[in-house]
Amino acid sequence: MGHVIAVAQQKGGSGKTTVAVNLAVALARTGHSVALLDTDPQGSMGRWFMTRVERGGDPGIDFATSSAWGVTYECEKLARDHDFVLIDTPPKLDADLRPTLRQCNMVIVPVAMSQVDVWATESVLDLARRAERPTLVVMNRSRSGTRLHGEIAEALARLDTEIAEQALSHRVIYAETLGQGLGVLEREQGPWTEEISALVAEVKRRLAVLDCSADTGN
């Protein structure tokens, strides 16, 4: 069975879809079979995928949609045939998120650079903790070296969660490629290339550790 990764955040505008599709593209480009599952009624991931299909050629990634309560069936089906399944979730926290948490191996929580986003993150982490699912917070739209970046990093460090070593910077190319049905790795190389590649490598390392812990019963 493949790994299932949920991308979740209570606050809208955190960059859930951007993070999910860029991870998916990066994983596919390294030879993995990847599927996307959109459970957000807003459908941003679906719009991204259809734009990708309209570009012509093989999209290189499979796609499905589901209501929150259909996640169990769709996840099990997709995970049988793919190395990775990435789920885009609605920007709200209620009972609808619980089926997704039960199915995933990891919850990635994007956090944009504001204290409000940090506050919203606490609820996501609490739900994941109750479901006994590991979380990884990813600082998104970051401006490294600024006072705000430092303040948000300090606030996140006080939460009971793992924080990704690699942050994603505030770059126009993430918004541009999202509207084109692309991932940033499918454009010319730049600082974003190293960012996404490093984040994907970190996610895979953490999943490998979780797999080892499960195999040893720890």
Protein backbone atom coordinates (compact mmCIF):
# COMPACT_ATOMS: atom_id res chain seq x y z
CA MET A 1 0.00 0.00 0.00
CA GLY A 2 1.21 3.50 -0.77
CA HIS A 3 1.71 6.33 1.68
CA VAL A 4 -1.23 8.66 2.23
CA ILE A 5 -0.45 12.27 3.12
CA ALA A 6 -3.16 14.72 4.16
CA VAL A 7 -2.53 18.44 3.74
CA ALA A 8 -4.69 20.22 6.30
CA GLN A 9 -5.13 23.66 7.82
CA GLN A 10 -8.13 25.34 9.44
CA LYS A 11 -7.36 28.78 8.03
CA GLY A 12 -7.97 29.44 4.35
CA GLY A 13 -5.17 30.90 2.26
CA SER A 14 -2.44 28.88 3.92
CA GLY A 15 -1.32 27.32 0.63
CA LYS A 16 -2.66 23.78 1.07
CA THR A 17 -3.24 23.18 -2.62
CA THR A 18 0.06 24.75 -3.62
CA VAL A 19 1.98 22.53 -1.22
CA ALA A 20 0.07 19.38 -2.20
CA VAL A 21 0.44 19.72 -5.97
CA ASN A 22 4.10 20.69 -5.79
CA LEU A 23 4.87 17.69 -3.61
CA ALA A 24 2.94 15.51 -6.06
CA VAL A 25 4.82 16.80 -9.10
CA ALA A 26 8.16 16.41 -7.35
CA LEU A 27 7.40 12.84 -6.30
CA ALA A 28 6.21 11.94 -9.80
CA ARG A 29 9.38 13.40 -11.33
CA THR A 30 11.48 11.09 -9.17
CA GLY A 31 9.74 8.02 -10.53
CA HIS A 32 6.95 7.48 -8.01
CA SER A 33 3.35 6.79 -8.96
CA VAL A 34 1.25 9.56 -7.45
CA ALA A 35 -2.45 10.30 -7.03
CA LEU A 36 -4.21 13.42 -5.81
CA LEU A 37 -7.49 13.31 -3.90
CA ASP A 38 -9.50 16.53 -3.59
CA THR A 39 -11.97 16.61 -0.69
CA ASP A 40 -12.25 20.41 -0.61
CA PRO A 41 -15.61 21.56 -2.07
CA GLN A 42 -13.83 24.65 -3.38
CA GLY A 43 -12.14 22.36 -5.90
CA SER A 44 -8.88 24.25 -6.41
CA MET A 45 -6.91 21.05 -6.83
CA GLY A 46 -9.41 19.83 -9.42
CA ARG A 47 -9.10 23.09 -11.36
CA TRP A 48 -5.31 22.73 -11.27
CA PHE A 49 -5.53 19.17 -12.56
CA MET A 50 -7.96 19.99 -15.39
CA THR A 51 -5.73 22.88 -16.46
CA ARG A 52 -2.87 20.39 -16.51
CA VAL A 53 -4.85 17.95 -18.65
CA GLU A 54 -5.80 20.72 -21.07
CA ARG A 55 -2.12 21.42 -21.69
CA GLY A 56 -2.01 18.07 -23.50
CA GLY A 57 0.05 14.98 -22.98
CA ASP A 58 0.17 12.67 -20.00
CA PRO A 59 -0.44 14.60 -16.77
CA GLY A 60 1.81 12.10 -14.99
CA ILE A 61 -0.44 12.12 -11.91
CA ASP A 62 -3.82 10.54 -11.26
CA PHE A 63 -6.70 12.47 -9.73
CA ALA A 64 -9.93 11.77 -7.89
CA THR A 65 -12.48 13.70 -5.86
CA SER A 66 -14.43 12.62 -2.83
CA SER A 67 -16.77 13.85 -0.17
CA ALA A 68 -15.27 13.72 3.29
CA TRP A 69 -17.16 10.54 4.07
CA GLY A 70 -16.03 8.85 0.85
CA VAL A 71 -12.36 9.26 1.71
CA THR A 72 -11.94 5.77 3.16
CA TYR A 73 -13.02 4.06 -0.05
CA GLU A 74 -11.08 6.38 -2.37
CA CYS A 75 -7.89 6.26 -0.27
CA GLU A 76 -7.83 2.50 -0.09
CA LYS A 77 -8.40 2.24 -3.83
CA LEU A 78 -5.74 4.80 -4.74
CA ALA A 79 -3.17 3.57 -2.22
CA ARG A 80 -3.32 0.07 -3.71
CA ASP A 81 -2.10 1.39 -7.06
CA HIS A 82 0.13 4.34 -6.14
CA ASP A 83 3.24 4.99 -4.09
CA PHE A 84 1.81 8.25 -2.74
CA VAL A 85 -1.67 9.71 -2.32
CA LEU A 86 -1.93 13.39 -1.37
CA ILE A 87 -5.24 14.69 -0.02
CA ASP A 88 -6.30 18.33 -0.17
CA THR A 89 -8.75 18.98 2.68
CA PRO A 90 -11.34 21.73 3.32
CA PRO A 91 -10.22 24.80 5.30
CA LYS A 92 -12.32 23.89 8.32
CA LEU A 93 -12.10 21.51 11.24
CA ASP A 94 -15.02 19.32 12.17
CA ALA A 95 -16.10 15.72 12.00
CA ASP A 96 -15.59 15.75 8.23
CA LEU A 97 -11.80 15.69 8.67
CA ARG A 98 -11.72 12.60 10.88
CA PRO A 99 -12.10 9.98 8.10
CA THR A 100 -9.13 11.57 6.31
CA LEU A 101 -7.02 11.48 9.46
CA ARG A 102 -7.81 7.80 9.95
CA GLN A 103 -6.54 7.02 6.45
CA CYS A 104 -3.33 9.04 6.34
CA ASN A 105 0.23 8.21 7.39
CA MET A 106 1.15 11.85 7.91
CA VAL A 107 -0.52 15.25 8.16
CA ILE A 108 1.31 18.17 6.58
CA VAL A 109 0.17 21.52 7.96
CA PRO A 110 1.16 24.61 5.92
CA VAL A 111 1.45 27.77 8.00
CA ALA A 112 1.57 31.19 6.35
CA MET A 113 3.48 33.97 8.06
CA SER A 114 1.00 35.38 10.55
CA GLN A 115 0.16 34.79 14.18
CA VAL A 116 -3.43 34.08 13.14
CA ASP A 117 -2.18 31.13 11.09
CA VAL A 118 -0.24 29.84 14.09
CA TRP A 119 -3.39 30.02 16.24
CA ALA A 120 -5.35 28.10 13.57
CA THR A 121 -2.64 25.45 13.49
CA GLU A 122 -3.22 24.48 17.11
CA SER A 123 -6.67 23.04 16.31
CA VAL A 124 -5.32 20.97 13.42
CA LEU A 125 -2.57 19.54 15.60
CA ASP A 126 -5.06 18.70 18.33
CA LEU A 127 -7.28 16.72 15.95
CA ALA A 128 -4.28 14.88 14.50
CA ARG A 129 -3.02 14.10 17.99
CA ARG A 130 -6.37 12.58 18.95
CA ALA A 131 -6.23 10.45 15.81
CA GLU A 132 -2.62 9.49 16.68
CA ARG A 133 -1.29 10.74 13.37
CA PRO A 134 2.14 12.38 13.04
CA THR A 135 2.21 15.98 11.86
CA LEU A 136 4.74 18.08 10.00
CA VAL A 137 4.34 21.86 9.98
CA VAL A 138 5.67 23.60 6.87
CA MET A 139 6.34 27.33 7.03
CA ASN A 140 4.88 28.74 3.81
CA ARG A 141 5.27 32.10 2.07
CA SER A 142 8.25 32.66 4.32
CA ARG A 143 10.61 35.62 4.18
CA SER A 144 13.73 34.21 5.73
CA GLY A 145 15.78 36.64 7.78
CA THR A 146 12.90 38.95 8.64
CA ARG A 147 11.72 39.64 12.18
CA LEU A 148 8.29 38.18 11.35
CA HIS A 149 9.86 34.92 10.18
CA GLY A 150 11.71 34.66 13.46
CA GLU A 151 8.61 35.41 15.54
CA ILE A 152 6.53 32.80 13.72
CA ALA A 153 9.30 30.22 14.00
CA GLU A 154 9.47 30.83 17.75
CA ALA A 155 5.69 30.53 18.11
CA LEU A 156 5.64 27.25 16.17
CA ALA A 157 8.50 25.87 18.24
CA ARG A 158 6.27 26.11 21.30
CA LEU A 159 3.72 23.76 19.73
CA ASP A 160 3.91 20.01 20.21
CA THR A 161 4.78 19.08 16.63
CA GLU A 162 7.59 18.51 14.16
CA ILE A 163 8.55 21.51 12.05
CA ALA A 164 10.00 20.97 8.59
CA GLU A 165 13.60 22.07 8.25
CA GLN A 166 12.79 23.40 4.78
CA ALA A 167 10.44 26.39 4.51
CA LEU A 168 8.81 27.57 1.27
CA SER A 169 9.56 31.17 0.42
CA HIS A 170 7.13 33.85 -0.70
CA ARG A 171 7.66 33.60 -4.49
CA VAL A 172 5.41 34.64 -7.37
CA ILE A 173 6.29 31.46 -9.26
CA TYR A 174 4.24 29.32 -6.88
CA ALA A 175 1.07 31.24 -7.78
CA GLU A 176 1.97 31.42 -11.49
CA THR A 177 2.55 27.70 -11.91
CA LEU A 178 -0.55 26.80 -9.90
CA GLY A 179 -2.68 28.68 -12.43
CA GLN A 180 -0.91 26.90 -15.29
CA GLY A 181 -1.48 23.37 -14.02
CA LEU A 182 2.22 22.96 -13.28
CA GLY A 183 4.56 22.47 -10.38
CA VAL A 184 7.51 24.81 -9.92
CA LEU A 185 9.92 21.99 -10.82
CA GLU A 186 8.41 22.02 -14.32
CA ARG A 187 9.61 25.56 -14.93
CA GLU A 188 13.14 26.90 -15.23
CA GLN A 189 15.44 26.18 -12.31
CA GLY A 190 15.72 28.67 -9.49
CA PRO A 191 15.79 28.83 -5.68
CA TRP A 192 12.37 27.17 -5.66
CA THR A 193 13.91 24.04 -7.18
CA GLU A 194 16.03 23.44 -4.10
CA GLU A 195 13.14 24.32 -1.77
CA ILE A 196 10.69 21.77 -3.14
CA SER A 197 13.33 19.09 -3.66
CA ALA A 198 14.55 19.48 -0.09
CA LEU A 199 11.02 19.40 1.33
CA VAL A 200 10.16 16.23 -0.61
CA ALA A 201 13.36 14.55 0.57
CA GLU A 202 12.51 15.49 4.16
CA VAL A 203 8.97 14.13 3.89
CA LYS A 204 10.28 10.84 2.47
CA ARG A 205 12.86 10.54 5.25
CA ARG A 206 10.22 11.07 7.91
CA LEU A 207 7.89 8.52 6.31
CA ALA A 208 10.75 6.00 6.20
CA VAL A 209 11.32 6.50 9.92
CA LEU A 210 7.62 5.98 10.59
CA ASP A 211 7.69 2.79 8.50
CA CYS A 212 10.64 1.46 10.51
CA SER A 213 8.88 2.27 13.79
CA ALA A 214 5.76 0.46 12.63
CA ASP A 215 7.79 -2.59 11.56
CA THR A 216 9.53 -2.83 14.94
CA GLY A 217 6.32 -2.16 16.86
CA ASN A 218 7.65 1.05 18.48
